[in-house]
Amino acid sequence: MSFTIVIVGYQIFRAIIGGTWQTENIIIVALGIIIAGLFVMAGFLINQSRTIGILLERTKNFNSRILILERNF
């Protein structure tokens, strides 16, 4: 994906200087990169929510365990 961003950046630079691509093509490619980035971020957030869910489940009774340990001392 980063290689695509480099190519699009180069084409945008050439379009500003003398023009190679049409403006519509540059906009369409930029939107495609943004949408691909959103899919990557969504996958990352789904993974993070699973991890947080596992951690919350492991620490669900942590407060009661600490209270029991406190009573023993």
Protein backbone atom coordinates (compact mmCIF):
# COMPACT_ATOMS: atom_id res chain seq x y z
CA MET A 1 0.00 0.00 0.00
CA SER A 2 2.84 2.40 0.77
CA PHE A 3 4.24 1.90 -2.75
CA THR A 4 0.88 2.97 -4.16
CA ILE A 5 0.95 6.10 -2.01
CA VAL A 6 4.41 6.96 -3.36
CA ILE A 7 3.22 6.53 -6.95
CA VAL A 8 0.11 8.65 -6.36
CA GLY A 9 2.20 11.33 -4.63
CA TYR A 10 4.56 11.39 -7.61
CA GLN A 11 1.65 11.69 -10.04
CA ILE A 12 0.12 14.51 -7.99
CA PHE A 13 3.48 16.30 -8.06
CA ARG A 14 3.71 15.86 -11.84
CA ALA A 15 0.09 17.01 -12.26
CA ILE A 16 0.90 20.21 -10.36
CA ILE A 17 4.01 20.87 -12.45
CA GLY A 18 2.86 19.92 -15.92
CA GLY A 19 0.04 17.47 -15.75
CA THR A 20 0.02 13.75 -16.39
CA TRP A 21 -3.16 12.42 -14.87
CA GLN A 22 -6.52 14.02 -14.96
CA THR A 23 -7.69 15.51 -11.67
CA GLU A 24 -10.58 13.06 -11.45
CA ASN A 25 -8.22 10.09 -11.58
CA ILE A 26 -6.09 11.53 -8.79
CA ILE A 27 -9.18 12.07 -6.63
CA ILE A 28 -10.46 8.53 -7.30
CA VAL A 29 -7.11 6.98 -6.38
CA ALA A 30 -6.88 9.12 -3.22
CA LEU A 31 -10.34 7.99 -2.17
CA GLY A 32 -9.33 4.38 -2.77
CA ILE A 33 -6.31 4.81 -0.51
CA ILE A 34 -8.46 6.38 2.19
CA ILE A 35 -11.01 3.55 2.00
CA ALA A 36 -8.24 0.93 2.18
CA GLY A 37 -6.86 2.72 5.24
CA LEU A 38 -10.29 2.62 6.86
CA PHE A 39 -10.47 -1.15 6.35
CA VAL A 40 -7.05 -1.55 7.95
CA MET A 41 -8.10 0.62 10.89
CA ALA A 42 -11.36 -1.32 11.30
CA GLY A 43 -9.45 -4.60 11.48
CA PHE A 44 -7.09 -3.13 14.05
CA LEU A 45 -10.00 -1.87 16.16
CA ILE A 46 -11.75 -5.26 16.02
CA ASN A 47 -8.55 -6.91 17.23
CA GLN A 48 -8.19 -4.37 20.03
CA SER A 49 -11.78 -4.88 21.15
CA ARG A 50 -11.17 -8.64 21.39
CA THR A 51 -8.04 -8.06 23.45
CA ILE A 52 -9.80 -5.63 25.79
CA GLY A 53 -12.69 -8.07 26.16
CA ILE A 54 -10.31 -10.84 27.19
CA LEU A 55 -8.58 -8.55 29.68
CA LEU A 56 -11.90 -7.42 31.17
CA GLU A 57 -13.02 -11.02 31.55
CA ARG A 58 -9.76 -11.94 33.30
CA THR A 59 -10.04 -9.03 35.74
CA LYS A 60 -13.79 -9.32 36.29
CA ASN A 61 -13.55 -10.61 39.86
CA PHE A 62 -10.29 -8.87 40.68
CA ASN A 63 -11.89 -6.45 43.16
CA SER A 64 -13.53 -9.23 45.19
CA ARG A 65 -10.26 -11.20 45.26
CA ILE A 66 -8.41 -8.17 46.61
CA LEU A 67 -11.07 -7.69 49.31
CA ILE A 68 -10.76 -11.33 50.38
CA LEU A 69 -6.98 -11.00 50.49
CA GLU A 70 -7.33 -7.81 52.53
CA ARG A 71 -9.51 -9.55 55.11
CA ASN A 72 -6.91 -12.26 55.57
CA PHE A 73 -4.28 -9.73 56.64
